PDB file of all heavy atoms in Angstrom:
ATOM      1  N   ASN A   1       0.824  -1.205   0.000  1.00  0.00           N
ATOM      2  CA  ASN A   1       0.000   0.000   0.000  1.00  0.00           C
ATOM      3  C   ASN A   1       0.864   1.263   0.000  1.00  0.00           C
ATOM      4  O   ASN A   1       0.612   2.221   0.722  1.00  0.00           O
ATOM      5  CB  ASN A   1      -0.956   0.007   1.205  1.00  0.00           C
ATOM      6  CG  ASN A   1      -2.057   1.049   1.065  1.00  0.00           C
ATOM      7  OD1 ASN A   1      -2.428   1.412  -0.051  1.00  0.00           O
ATOM      8  ND2 ASN A   1      -2.552   1.545   2.179  1.00  0.00           N
ATOM      9  N   GLU A   2       1.896   1.252  -0.838  1.00  0.00           N
ATOM     10  CA  GLU A   2       2.827   2.369  -0.926  1.00  0.00           C
ATOM     11  C   GLU A   2       3.160   2.633  -2.387  1.00  0.00           C
ATOM     12  O   GLU A   2       2.844   1.822  -3.268  1.00  0.00           O
ATOM     13  CB  GLU A   2       4.112   2.053  -0.138  1.00  0.00           C
ATOM     14  CG  GLU A   2       3.890   1.851   1.348  1.00  0.00           C
ATOM     15  CD  GLU A   2       5.151   1.406   2.067  1.00  0.00           C
ATOM     16  OE1 GLU A   2       6.187   1.232   1.397  1.00  0.00           O
ATOM     17  OE2 GLU A   2       5.107   1.213   3.298  1.00  0.00           O
ATOM     18  N   ARG A   3       3.803   3.774  -2.635  1.00  0.00           N
ATOM     19  CA  ARG A   3       4.210   4.127  -3.992  1.00  0.00           C
ATOM     20  C   ARG A   3       5.697   4.441  -4.026  1.00  0.00           C
ATOM     21  O   ARG A   3       6.274   4.876  -3.020  1.00  0.00           O
ATOM     22  CB  ARG A   3       3.406   5.335  -4.504  1.00  0.00           C
ATOM     23  CG  ARG A   3       1.918   5.035  -4.649  1.00  0.00           C
ATOM     24  CD  ARG A   3       1.136   6.214  -5.188  1.00  0.00           C
ATOM     25  NE  ARG A   3      -0.281   5.889  -5.305  1.00  0.00           N
ATOM     26  CZ  ARG A   3      -0.815   5.324  -6.395  1.00  0.00           C
ATOM     27  NH1 ARG A   3      -0.053   5.076  -7.456  1.00  0.00           N
ATOM     28  NH2 ARG A   3      -2.095   5.038  -6.431  1.00  0.00           N
ATOM     29  N   ASP A   4       6.298   4.215  -5.186  1.00  0.00           N
ATOM     30  CA  ASP A   4       7.708   4.534  -5.325  1.00  0.00           C
ATOM     31  C   ASP A   4       7.886   6.028  -5.602  1.00  0.00           C
ATOM     32  O   ASP A   4       6.908   6.792  -5.593  1.00  0.00           O
ATOM     33  CB  ASP A   4       8.358   3.682  -6.425  1.00  0.00           C
ATOM     34  CG  ASP A   4       7.762   3.951  -7.816  1.00  0.00           C
ATOM     35  OD1 ASP A   4       7.106   4.993  -8.007  1.00  0.00           O
ATOM     36  OD2 ASP A   4       7.957   3.106  -8.712  1.00  0.00           O
ATOM     37  N   ARG A   5       9.110   6.462  -5.844  1.00  0.00           N
ATOM     38  CA  ARG A   5       9.383   7.888  -6.013  1.00  0.00           C
ATOM     39  C   ARG A   5       8.777   8.457  -7.287  1.00  0.00           C
ATOM     40  O   ARG A   5       8.719   9.681  -7.464  1.00  0.00           O
ATOM     41  CB  ARG A   5      10.888   8.131  -6.009  1.00  0.00           C
ATOM     42  CG  ARG A   5      11.647   7.387  -7.086  1.00  0.00           C
ATOM     43  CD  ARG A   5      13.124   7.699  -7.035  1.00  0.00           C
ATOM     44  NE  ARG A   5      13.873   6.938  -8.022  1.00  0.00           N
ATOM     45  CZ  ARG A   5      15.136   7.198  -8.343  1.00  0.00           C
ATOM     46  NH1 ARG A   5      15.771   8.193  -7.757  1.00  0.00           N
ATOM     47  NH2 ARG A   5      15.760   6.458  -9.243  1.00  0.00           N
ATOM     48  N   PHE A   6       8.321   7.582  -8.186  1.00  0.00           N
ATOM     49  CA  PHE A   6       7.668   8.044  -9.410  1.00  0.00           C
ATOM     50  C   PHE A   6       6.151   7.988  -9.293  1.00  0.00           C
ATOM     51  O   PHE A   6       5.440   8.232 -10.263  1.00  0.00           O
ATOM     52  CB  PHE A   6       8.126   7.192 -10.600  1.00  0.00           C
ATOM     53  CG  PHE A   6       9.614   7.204 -10.817  1.00  0.00           C
ATOM     54  CD1 PHE A   6      10.373   6.088 -10.515  1.00  0.00           C
ATOM     55  CD2 PHE A   6      10.248   8.345 -11.293  1.00  0.00           C
ATOM     56  CE1 PHE A   6      11.751   6.103 -10.707  1.00  0.00           C
ATOM     57  CE2 PHE A   6      11.623   8.367 -11.479  1.00  0.00           C
ATOM     58  CZ  PHE A   6      12.378   7.241 -11.181  1.00  0.00           C
ATOM     59  N   GLY A   7       5.657   7.640  -8.111  1.00  0.00           N
ATOM     60  CA  GLY A   7       4.221   7.589  -7.880  1.00  0.00           C
ATOM     61  C   GLY A   7       3.560   6.294  -8.287  1.00  0.00           C
ATOM     62  O   GLY A   7       2.329   6.186  -8.255  1.00  0.00           O
ATOM     63  N   GLN A   8       4.360   5.287  -8.662  1.00  0.00           N
ATOM     64  CA  GLN A   8       3.795   4.018  -9.079  1.00  0.00           C
ATOM     65  C   GLN A   8       3.570   3.109  -7.868  1.00  0.00           C
ATOM     66  O   GLN A   8       4.379   3.098  -6.939  1.00  0.00           O
ATOM     67  CB  GLN A   8       4.736   3.316 -10.069  1.00  0.00           C
ATOM     68  CG  GLN A   8       4.964   4.099 -11.354  1.00  0.00           C
ATOM     69  CD  GLN A   8       3.667   4.345 -12.109  1.00  0.00           C
ATOM     70  OE1 GLN A   8       2.865   3.423 -12.296  1.00  0.00           O
ATOM     71  NE2 GLN A   8       3.461   5.580 -12.549  1.00  0.00           N
ATOM     72  N   PRO A   9       2.456   2.356  -7.858  1.00  0.00           N
ATOM     73  CA  PRO A   9       2.201   1.445  -6.727  1.00  0.00           C
ATOM     74  C   PRO A   9       3.317   0.421  -6.571  1.00  0.00           C
ATOM     75  O   PRO A   9       3.822  -0.124  -7.555  1.00  0.00           O
ATOM     76  CB  PRO A   9       0.884   0.767  -7.107  1.00  0.00           C
ATOM     77  CG  PRO A   9       0.255   1.688  -8.110  1.00  0.00           C
ATOM     78  CD  PRO A   9       1.385   2.331  -8.862  1.00  0.00           C
ATOM     79  N   LEU A  10       3.708   0.189  -5.332  1.00  0.00           N
ATOM     80  CA  LEU A  10       4.749  -0.781  -5.038  1.00  0.00           C
ATOM     81  C   LEU A  10       4.131  -2.134  -4.721  1.00  0.00           C
ATOM     82  O   LEU A  10       3.185  -2.235  -3.947  1.00  0.00           O
ATOM     83  CB  LEU A  10       5.570  -0.326  -3.831  1.00  0.00           C
ATOM     84  CG  LEU A  10       6.673   0.704  -4.068  1.00  0.00           C
ATOM     85  CD1 LEU A  10       7.281   1.138  -2.746  1.00  0.00           C
ATOM     86  CD2 LEU A  10       7.757   0.128  -4.981  1.00  0.00           C
ATOM     87  N   GLN A  11       4.672  -3.164  -5.338  1.00  0.00           N
ATOM     88  CA  GLN A  11       4.349  -4.533  -4.975  1.00  0.00           C
ATOM     89  C   GLN A  11       5.646  -5.316  -4.936  1.00  0.00           C
ATOM     90  O   GLN A  11       6.642  -4.950  -5.567  1.00  0.00           O
ATOM     91  CB  GLN A  11       3.367  -5.167  -5.950  1.00  0.00           C
ATOM     92  CG  GLN A  11       1.933  -4.723  -5.726  1.00  0.00           C
ATOM     93  CD  GLN A  11       0.940  -5.739  -6.271  1.00  0.00           C
ATOM     94  OE1 GLN A  11       1.279  -6.592  -7.088  1.00  0.00           O
ATOM     95  NE2 GLN A  11      -0.288  -5.657  -5.800  1.00  0.00           N
ATOM     96  N   ASP A  12       5.633  -6.387  -4.192  1.00  0.00           N
ATOM     97  CA  ASP A  12       6.852  -7.146  -4.016  1.00  0.00           C
ATOM     98  C   ASP A  12       6.502  -8.612  -3.829  1.00  0.00           C
ATOM     99  O   ASP A  12       5.324  -8.976  -3.669  1.00  0.00           O
ATOM    100  CB  ASP A  12       7.620  -6.617  -2.787  1.00  0.00           C
ATOM    101  CG  ASP A  12       9.079  -7.051  -2.771  1.00  0.00           C
ATOM    102  OD1 ASP A  12       9.512  -7.726  -3.724  1.00  0.00           O
ATOM    103  OD2 ASP A  12       9.779  -6.714  -1.806  1.00  0.00           O
ATOM    104  N   SER A  13       7.516  -9.443  -3.839  1.00  0.00           N
ATOM    105  CA  SER A  13       7.330 -10.835  -3.465  1.00  0.00           C
ATOM    106  C   SER A  13       6.998 -10.915  -1.983  1.00  0.00           C
ATOM    107  O   SER A  13       7.286 -10.003  -1.208  1.00  0.00           O
ATOM    108  CB  SER A  13       8.612 -11.631  -3.736  1.00  0.00           C
ATOM    109  OG  SER A  13       8.974 -11.586  -5.090  1.00  0.00           O
ATOM    110  N   SER A  14       6.414 -12.014  -1.588  1.00  0.00           N
ATOM    111  CA  SER A  14       6.188 -12.291  -0.173  1.00  0.00           C
ATOM    112  C   SER A  14       7.305 -13.196   0.328  1.00  0.00           C
ATOM    113  O   SER A  14       7.862 -14.004  -0.423  1.00  0.00           O
ATOM    114  CB  SER A  14       4.834 -12.946   0.038  1.00  0.00           C
ATOM    115  OG  SER A  14       3.800 -12.052  -0.332  1.00  0.00           O
ATOM    116  N   PHE A  15       7.619 -13.042   1.600  1.00  0.00           N
ATOM    117  CA  PHE A  15       8.696 -13.812   2.214  1.00  0.00           C
ATOM    118  C   PHE A  15       8.199 -14.436   3.507  1.00  0.00           C
ATOM    119  O   PHE A  15       7.365 -13.854   4.213  1.00  0.00           O
ATOM    120  CB  PHE A  15       9.897 -12.919   2.521  1.00  0.00           C
ATOM    121  CG  PHE A  15      10.665 -12.469   1.312  1.00  0.00           C
ATOM    122  CD1 PHE A  15      10.230 -11.382   0.572  1.00  0.00           C
ATOM    123  CD2 PHE A  15      11.809 -13.140   0.901  1.00  0.00           C
ATOM    124  CE1 PHE A  15      10.928 -10.967  -0.548  1.00  0.00           C
ATOM    125  CE2 PHE A  15      12.509 -12.735  -0.215  1.00  0.00           C
ATOM    126  CZ  PHE A  15      12.071 -11.642  -0.945  1.00  0.00           C
ATOM    127  N   ALA A  16       8.715 -15.604   3.811  1.00  0.00           N
ATOM    128  CA  ALA A  16       8.479 -16.242   5.104  1.00  0.00           C
ATOM    129  C   ALA A  16       9.826 -16.458   5.777  1.00  0.00           C
ATOM    130  O   ALA A  16      10.788 -16.902   5.131  1.00  0.00           O
ATOM    131  CB  ALA A  16       7.753 -17.566   4.940  1.00  0.00           C
ATOM    132  N   LEU A  17       9.891 -16.111   7.061  1.00  0.00           N
ATOM    133  CA  LEU A  17      11.113 -16.246   7.841  1.00  0.00           C
ATOM    134  C   LEU A  17      10.838 -17.214   8.988  1.00  0.00           C
ATOM    135  O   LEU A  17       9.938 -16.980   9.801  1.00  0.00           O
ATOM    136  CB  LEU A  17      11.581 -14.900   8.395  1.00  0.00           C
ATOM    137  CG  LEU A  17      12.032 -13.833   7.396  1.00  0.00           C
ATOM    138  CD1 LEU A  17      10.858 -13.147   6.722  1.00  0.00           C
ATOM    139  CD2 LEU A  17      12.894 -12.785   8.104  1.00  0.00           C
ATOM    140  N   PHE A  18      11.601 -18.289   9.040  1.00  0.00           N
ATOM    141  CA  PHE A  18      11.457 -19.283  10.103  1.00  0.00           C
ATOM    142  C   PHE A  18      12.577 -19.057  11.129  1.00  0.00           C
ATOM    143  O   PHE A  18      13.754 -19.216  10.809  1.00  0.00           O
ATOM    144  CB  PHE A  18      11.569 -20.703   9.544  1.00  0.00           C
ATOM    145  CG  PHE A  18      10.559 -21.027   8.481  1.00  0.00           C
ATOM    146  CD1 PHE A  18      10.882 -20.915   7.135  1.00  0.00           C
ATOM    147  CD2 PHE A  18       9.283 -21.465   8.815  1.00  0.00           C
ATOM    148  CE1 PHE A  18       9.967 -21.225   6.148  1.00  0.00           C
ATOM    149  CE2 PHE A  18       8.352 -21.774   7.832  1.00  0.00           C
ATOM    150  CZ  PHE A  18       8.694 -21.659   6.496  1.00  0.00           C
ATOM    151  N   PHE A  19      12.203 -18.725  12.345  1.00  0.00           N
ATOM    152  CA  PHE A  19      13.166 -18.500  13.416  1.00  0.00           C
ATOM    153  C   PHE A  19      13.138 -19.691  14.377  1.00  0.00           C
ATOM    154  O   PHE A  19      12.064 -20.082  14.854  1.00  0.00           O
ATOM    155  CB  PHE A  19      12.814 -17.237  14.208  1.00  0.00           C
ATOM    156  CG  PHE A  19      12.987 -15.963  13.451  1.00  0.00           C
ATOM    157  CD1 PHE A  19      11.946 -15.461  12.665  1.00  0.00           C
ATOM    158  CD2 PHE A  19      14.164 -15.236  13.525  1.00  0.00           C
ATOM    159  CE1 PHE A  19      12.092 -14.277  11.969  1.00  0.00           C
ATOM    160  CE2 PHE A  19      14.312 -14.050  12.833  1.00  0.00           C
ATOM    161  CZ  PHE A  19      13.275 -13.565  12.053  1.00  0.00           C
ATOM    162  N   ASN A  20      14.299 -20.250  14.669  1.00  0.00           N
ATOM    163  CA  ASN A  20      14.396 -21.297  15.686  1.00  0.00           C
ATOM    164  C   ASN A  20      15.569 -20.977  16.603  1.00  0.00           C
ATOM    165  O   ASN A  20      16.726 -21.221  16.256  1.00  0.00           O
ATOM    166  CB  ASN A  20      14.578 -22.683  15.055  1.00  0.00           C
ATOM    167  CG  ASN A  20      14.613 -23.781  16.101  1.00  0.00           C
ATOM    168  OD1 ASN A  20      14.191 -23.583  17.245  1.00  0.00           O
ATOM    169  ND2 ASN A  20      15.122 -24.944  15.724  1.00  0.00           N
ATOM    170  N   ALA A  21      15.273 -20.442  17.780  1.00  0.00           N
ATOM    171  CA  ALA A  21      16.309 -20.082  18.743  1.00  0.00           C
ATOM    172  C   ALA A  21      16.542 -21.175  19.775  1.00  0.00           C
ATOM    173  O   ALA A  21      17.310 -20.971  20.714  1.00  0.00           O
ATOM    174  CB  ALA A  21      15.923 -18.782  19.453  1.00  0.00           C
ATOM    175  N   SER A  22      15.909 -22.317  19.605  1.00  0.00           N
ATOM    176  CA  SER A  22      16.042 -23.393  20.591  1.00  0.00           C
ATOM    177  C   SER A  22      17.277 -24.245  20.287  1.00  0.00           C
ATOM    178  O   SER A  22      17.930 -24.096  19.252  1.00  0.00           O
ATOM    179  CB  SER A  22      14.794 -24.269  20.592  1.00  0.00           C
ATOM    180  OG  SER A  22      14.746 -25.075  19.431  1.00  0.00           O
ATOM    181  N   GLU A  23      17.569 -25.165  21.209  1.00  0.00           N
ATOM    182  CA  GLU A  23      18.718 -26.049  21.060  1.00  0.00           C
ATOM    183  C   GLU A  23      18.376 -27.310  20.281  1.00  0.00           C
ATOM    184  O   GLU A  23      19.239 -28.170  20.093  1.00  0.00           O
ATOM    185  CB  GLU A  23      19.250 -26.440  22.449  1.00  0.00           C
ATOM    186  CG  GLU A  23      19.698 -25.275  23.306  1.00  0.00           C
ATOM    187  CD  GLU A  23      18.534 -24.558  23.983  1.00  0.00           C
ATOM    188  OE1 GLU A  23      17.395 -25.093  23.943  1.00  0.00           O
ATOM    189  OE2 GLU A  23      18.754 -23.466  24.535  1.00  0.00           O
ATOM    190  N   LEU A  24      17.131 -27.431  19.830  1.00  0.00           N
ATOM    191  CA  LEU A  24      16.676 -28.624  19.128  1.00  0.00           C
ATOM    192  C   LEU A  24      16.114 -28.263  17.761  1.00  0.00           C
ATOM    193  O   LEU A  24      15.640 -27.138  17.557  1.00  0.00           O
ATOM    194  CB  LEU A  24      15.589 -29.333  19.945  1.00  0.00           C
ATOM    195  CG  LEU A  24      15.996 -29.840  21.331  1.00  0.00           C
ATOM    196  CD1 LEU A  24      14.764 -30.333  22.076  1.00  0.00           C
ATOM    197  CD2 LEU A  24      17.042 -30.933  21.228  1.00  0.00           C
ATOM    198  N   PRO A  25      16.135 -29.186  16.804  1.00  0.00           N
ATOM    199  CA  PRO A  25      15.496 -28.911  15.508  1.00  0.00           C
ATOM    200  C   PRO A  25      14.003 -28.694  15.699  1.00  0.00           C
ATOM    201  O   PRO A  25      13.394 -29.195  16.644  1.00  0.00           O
ATOM    202  CB  PRO A  25      15.775 -30.184  14.696  1.00  0.00           C
ATOM    203  CG  PRO A  25      16.877 -30.882  15.407  1.00  0.00           C
ATOM    204  CD  PRO A  25      16.760 -30.522  16.846  1.00  0.00           C
ATOM    205  N   ALA A  26      13.422 -27.923  14.794  1.00  0.00           N
ATOM    206  CA  ALA A  26      11.982 -27.663  14.832  1.00  0.00           C
ATOM    207  C   ALA A  26      11.397 -27.932  13.452  1.00  0.00           C
ATOM    208  O   ALA A  26      12.050 -27.701  12.428  1.00  0.00           O
ATOM    209  CB  ALA A  26      11.703 -26.226  15.257  1.00  0.00           C
ATOM    210  N   THR A  27      10.181 -28.422  13.431  1.00  0.00           N
ATOM    211  CA  THR A  27       9.473 -28.665  12.174  1.00  0.00           C
ATOM    212  C   THR A  27       8.401 -27.603  12.007  1.00  0.00           C
ATOM    213  O   THR A  27       7.521 -27.461  12.860  1.00  0.00           O
ATOM    214  CB  THR A  27       8.841 -30.062  12.165  1.00  0.00           C
ATOM    215  OG1 THR A  27       9.870 -31.043  12.338  1.00  0.00           O
ATOM    216  CG2 THR A  27       8.123 -30.313  10.844  1.00  0.00           C
ATOM    217  N   CYS A  28       8.487 -26.844  10.917  1.00  0.00           N
ATOM    218  CA  CYS A  28       7.559 -25.739  10.677  1.00  0.00           C
ATOM    219  C   CYS A  28       6.768 -25.993   9.398  1.00  0.00           C
ATOM    220  O   CYS A  28       7.311 -26.474   8.395  1.00  0.00           O
ATOM    221  CB  CYS A  28       8.322 -24.419  10.542  1.00  0.00           C
ATOM    222  SG  CYS A  28       9.205 -23.914  12.038  1.00  0.00           S
ATOM    223  N   LEU A  29       5.492 -25.632   9.441  1.00  0.00           N
ATOM    224  CA  LEU A  29       4.638 -25.734   8.261  1.00  0.00           C
ATOM    225  C   LEU A  29       4.941 -24.573   7.319  1.00  0.00           C
ATOM    226  O   LEU A  29       5.014 -23.418   7.746  1.00  0.00           O
ATOM    227  CB  LEU A  29       3.170 -25.695   8.669  1.00  0.00           C
ATOM    228  CG  LEU A  29       2.163 -25.889   7.531  1.00  0.00           C
ATOM    229  CD1 LEU A  29       2.089 -27.359   7.148  1.00  0.00           C
ATOM    230  CD2 LEU A  29       0.779 -25.376   7.931  1.00  0.00           C
ATOM    231  N   VAL A  30       5.121 -24.876   6.049  1.00  0.00           N
ATOM    232  CA  VAL A  30       5.352 -23.833   5.043  1.00  0.00           C
ATOM    233  C   VAL A  30       4.020 -23.155   4.738  1.00  0.00           C
ATOM    234  O   VAL A  30       3.059 -23.823   4.341  1.00  0.00           O
ATOM    235  CB  VAL A  30       5.959 -24.430   3.764  1.00  0.00           C
ATOM    236  CG1 VAL A  30       6.109 -23.353   2.690  1.00  0.00           C
ATOM    237  CG2 VAL A  30       7.302 -25.074   4.077  1.00  0.00           C
ATOM    238  N   PRO A  31       3.910 -21.834   4.937  1.00  0.00           N
ATOM    239  CA  PRO A  31       2.634 -21.149   4.722  1.00  0.00           C
ATOM    240  C   PRO A  31       2.355 -20.923   3.248  1.00  0.00           C
ATOM    241  O   PRO A  31       3.178 -21.229   2.386  1.00  0.00           O
ATOM    242  CB  PRO A  31       2.830 -19.824   5.463  1.00  0.00           C
ATOM    243  CG  PRO A  31       4.296 -19.556   5.321  1.00  0.00           C
ATOM    244  CD  PRO A  31       4.959 -20.909   5.382  1.00  0.00           C
ATOM    245  N   GLY A  32       1.196 -20.346   2.969  1.00  0.00           N
ATOM    246  CA  GLY A  32       0.859 -20.012   1.589  1.00  0.00           C
ATOM    247  C   GLY A  32      -0.563 -19.531   1.491  1.00  0.00           C
ATOM    248  O   GLY A  32      -1.432 -19.944   2.251  1.00  0.00           O
ATOM    249  N   ARG A  33      -0.811 -18.642   0.522  1.00  0.00           N
ATOM    250  CA  ARG A  33      -2.172 -18.131   0.361  1.00  0.00           C
ATOM    251  C   ARG A  33      -3.093 -19.184  -0.218  1.00  0.00           C
ATOM    252  O   ARG A  33      -4.300 -19.174   0.003  1.00  0.00           O
ATOM    253  CB  ARG A  33      -2.160 -16.889  -0.527  1.00  0.00           C
ATOM    254  CG  ARG A  33      -1.454 -17.060  -1.854  1.00  0.00           C
ATOM    255  CD  ARG A  33      -1.506 -15.779  -2.673  1.00  0.00           C
ATOM    256  NE  ARG A  33      -0.682 -15.854  -3.847  1.00  0.00           N
ATOM    257  CZ  ARG A  33      -0.672 -14.947  -4.805  1.00  0.00           C
ATOM    258  NH1 ARG A  33      -1.463 -13.894  -4.708  1.00  0.00           N
ATOM    259  NH2 ARG A  33       0.112 -15.064  -5.845  1.00  0.00           N
ATOM    260  N   THR A  34      -2.528 -20.128  -1.008  1.00  0.00           N
ATOM    261  CA  THR A  34      -3.289 -21.280  -1.496  1.00  0.00           C
ATOM    262  C   THR A  34      -2.390 -22.501  -1.360  1.00  0.00           C
ATOM    263  O   THR A  34      -1.183 -22.405  -1.115  1.00  0.00           O
ATOM    264  CB  THR A  34      -3.701 -21.131  -2.972  1.00  0.00           C
ATOM    265  OG1 THR A  34      -2.534 -21.264  -3.799  1.00  0.00           O
ATOM    266  CG2 THR A  34      -4.355 -19.781  -3.226  1.00  0.00           C
ATOM    267  N   ALA A  35      -2.996 -23.665  -1.549  1.00  0.00           N
ATOM    268  CA  ALA A  35      -2.231 -24.908  -1.462  1.00  0.00           C
ATOM    269  C   ALA A  35      -1.217 -25.031  -2.586  1.00  0.00           C
ATOM    270  O   ALA A  35      -0.303 -25.851  -2.519  1.00  0.00           O
ATOM    271  CB  ALA A  35      -3.182 -26.105  -1.487  1.00  0.00           C
ATOM    272  N   HIS A  36      -1.369 -24.195  -3.641  1.00  0.00           N
ATOM    273  CA  HIS A  36      -0.471 -24.272  -4.792  1.00  0.00           C
ATOM    274  C   HIS A  36       0.634 -23.215  -4.748  1.00  0.00           C
ATOM    275  O   HIS A  36       1.374 -23.064  -5.721  1.00  0.00           O
ATOM    276  CB  HIS A  36      -1.271 -24.138  -6.087  1.00  0.00           C
ATOM    277  CG  HIS A  36      -2.344 -25.170  -6.242  1.00  0.00           C
ATOM    278  ND1 HIS A  36      -2.082 -26.500  -6.462  1.00  0.00           N
ATOM    279  CD2 HIS A  36      -3.699 -25.065  -6.180  1.00  0.00           C
ATOM    280  CE1 HIS A  36      -3.216 -27.173  -6.545  1.00  0.00           C
ATOM    281  NE2 HIS A  36      -4.209 -26.325  -6.370  1.00  0.00           N
ATOM    282  N   THR A  37       0.734 -22.496  -3.649  1.00  0.00           N
ATOM    283  CA  THR A  37       1.793 -21.499  -3.519  1.00  0.00           C
ATOM    284  C   THR A  37       3.150 -22.194  -3.430  1.00  0.00           C
ATOM    285  O   THR A  37       3.322 -23.136  -2.646  1.00  0.00           O
ATOM    286  CB  THR A  37       1.577 -20.635  -2.267  1.00  0.00           C
ATOM    287  OG1 THR A  37       0.318 -19.974  -2.366  1.00  0.00           O
ATOM    288  CG2 THR A  37       2.677 -19.588  -2.128  1.00  0.00           C
ATOM    289  N   HIS A  38       4.089 -21.736  -4.234  1.00  0.00           N
ATOM    290  CA  HIS A  38       5.433 -22.300  -4.225  1.00  0.00           C
ATOM    291  C   HIS A  38       6.431 -21.243  -3.728  1.00  0.00           C
ATOM    292  O   HIS A  38       6.252 -20.046  -3.952  1.00  0.00           O
ATOM    293  CB  HIS A  38       5.841 -22.786  -5.619  1.00  0.00           C
ATOM    294  CG  HIS A  38       5.226 -24.093  -5.993  1.00  0.00           C
ATOM    295  ND1 HIS A  38       3.917 -24.218  -6.363  1.00  0.00           N
ATOM    296  CD2 HIS A  38       5.757 -25.353  -6.033  1.00  0.00           C
ATOM    297  CE1 HIS A  38       3.648 -25.487  -6.636  1.00  0.00           C
ATOM    298  NE2 HIS A  38       4.735 -26.194  -6.437  1.00  0.00           N
ATOM    299  N   TRP A  39       7.472 -21.733  -3.096  1.00  0.00           N
ATOM    300  CA  TRP A  39       8.515 -20.878  -2.549  1.00  0.00           C
ATOM    301  C   TRP A  39       9.877 -21.409  -2.986  1.00  0.00           C
ATOM    302  O   TRP A  39      10.025 -22.576  -3.328  1.00  0.00           O
ATOM    303  CB  TRP A  39       8.471 -20.885  -1.026  1.00  0.00           C
ATOM    304  CG  TRP A  39       7.162 -20.548  -0.393  1.00  0.00           C
ATOM    305  CD1 TRP A  39       6.081 -21.377  -0.245  1.00  0.00           C
ATOM    306  CD2 TRP A  39       6.784 -19.297   0.195  1.00  0.00           C
ATOM    307  NE1 TRP A  39       5.056 -20.724   0.400  1.00  0.00           N
ATOM    308  CE2 TRP A  39       5.461 -19.450   0.691  1.00  0.00           C
ATOM    309  CE3 TRP A  39       7.426 -18.068   0.380  1.00  0.00           C
ATOM    310  CZ2 TRP A  39       4.777 -18.423   1.342  1.00  0.00           C
ATOM    311  CZ3 TRP A  39       6.760 -17.042   1.015  1.00  0.00           C
ATOM    312  CH2 TRP A  39       5.449 -17.214   1.487  1.00  0.00           C
ATOM    313  N   ARG A  40      10.861 -20.530  -2.931  1.00  0.00           N
ATOM    314  CA  ARG A  40      12.242 -20.972  -3.118  1.00  0.00           C
ATOM    315  C   ARG A  40      13.053 -20.546  -1.908  1.00  0.00           C
ATOM    316  O   ARG A  40      12.780 -19.495  -1.290  1.00  0.00           O
ATOM    317  CB  ARG A  40      12.857 -20.378  -4.395  1.00  0.00           C
ATOM    318  CG  ARG A  40      13.165 -18.898  -4.323  1.00  0.00           C
ATOM    319  CD  ARG A  40      13.969 -18.415  -5.523  1.00  0.00           C
ATOM    320  NE  ARG A  40      14.340 -17.012  -5.394  1.00  0.00           N
ATOM    321  CZ  ARG A  40      15.427 -16.581  -4.778  1.00  0.00           C
ATOM    322  NH1 ARG A  40      16.260 -17.446  -4.219  1.00  0.00           N
ATOM    323  NH2 ARG A  40      15.694 -15.292  -4.693  1.00  0.00           N
ATOM    324  N   LEU A  41      14.037 -21.338  -1.566  1.00  0.00           N
ATOM    325  CA  LEU A  41      14.899 -21.015  -0.438  1.00  0.00           C
ATOM    326  C   LEU A  41      15.834 -19.868  -0.808  1.00  0.00           C
ATOM    327  O   LEU A  41      16.502 -19.909  -1.848  1.00  0.00           O
ATOM    328  CB  LEU A  41      15.720 -22.239  -0.036  1.00  0.00           C
ATOM    329  CG  LEU A  41      16.715 -22.043   1.101  1.00  0.00           C
ATOM    330  CD1 LEU A  41      15.995 -21.809   2.416  1.00  0.00           C
ATOM    331  CD2 LEU A  41      17.653 -23.244   1.212  1.00  0.00           C
ATOM    332  N   VAL A  42      15.871 -18.840   0.018  1.00  0.00           N
ATOM    333  CA  VAL A  42      16.822 -17.738  -0.174  1.00  0.00           C
ATOM    334  C   VAL A  42      18.111 -18.050   0.565  1.00  0.00           C
ATOM    335  O   VAL A  42      19.200 -17.962   0.012  1.00  0.00           O
ATOM    336  CB  VAL A  42      16.222 -16.409   0.323  1.00  0.00           C
ATOM    337  CG1 VAL A  42      17.218 -15.269   0.122  1.00  0.00           C
ATOM    338  CG2 VAL A  42      14.923 -16.108  -0.406  1.00  0.00           C
ATOM    339  N   PHE A  43      18.009 -18.432   1.828  1.00  0.00           N
ATOM    340  CA  PHE A  43      19.177 -18.897   2.569  1.00  0.00           C
ATOM    341  C   PHE A  43      18.735 -19.596   3.846  1.00  0.00           C
ATOM    342  O   PHE A  43      17.615 -19.419   4.335  1.00  0.00           O
ATOM    343  CB  PHE A  43      20.152 -17.754   2.897  1.00  0.00           C
ATOM    344  CG  PHE A  43      19.603 -16.711   3.833  1.00  0.00           C
ATOM    345  CD1 PHE A  43      19.581 -16.913   5.217  1.00  0.00           C
ATOM    346  CD2 PHE A  43      19.118 -15.509   3.349  1.00  0.00           C
ATOM    347  CE1 PHE A  43      19.075 -15.952   6.073  1.00  0.00           C
ATOM    348  CE2 PHE A  43      18.612 -14.536   4.207  1.00  0.00           C
ATOM    349  CZ  PHE A  43      18.584 -14.765   5.567  1.00  0.00           C
TER     350      PHE A  43
END
């Protein structure tokens, strides 16, 4: 809901960040707006 310096509406990719500060592995569900949403690992 923002505009760039030329007045054009800004849109971007969506990102999910999984934080695990515990001493054990954690299993997290990959979110998505639909069941067909695909993601790629950034890092």
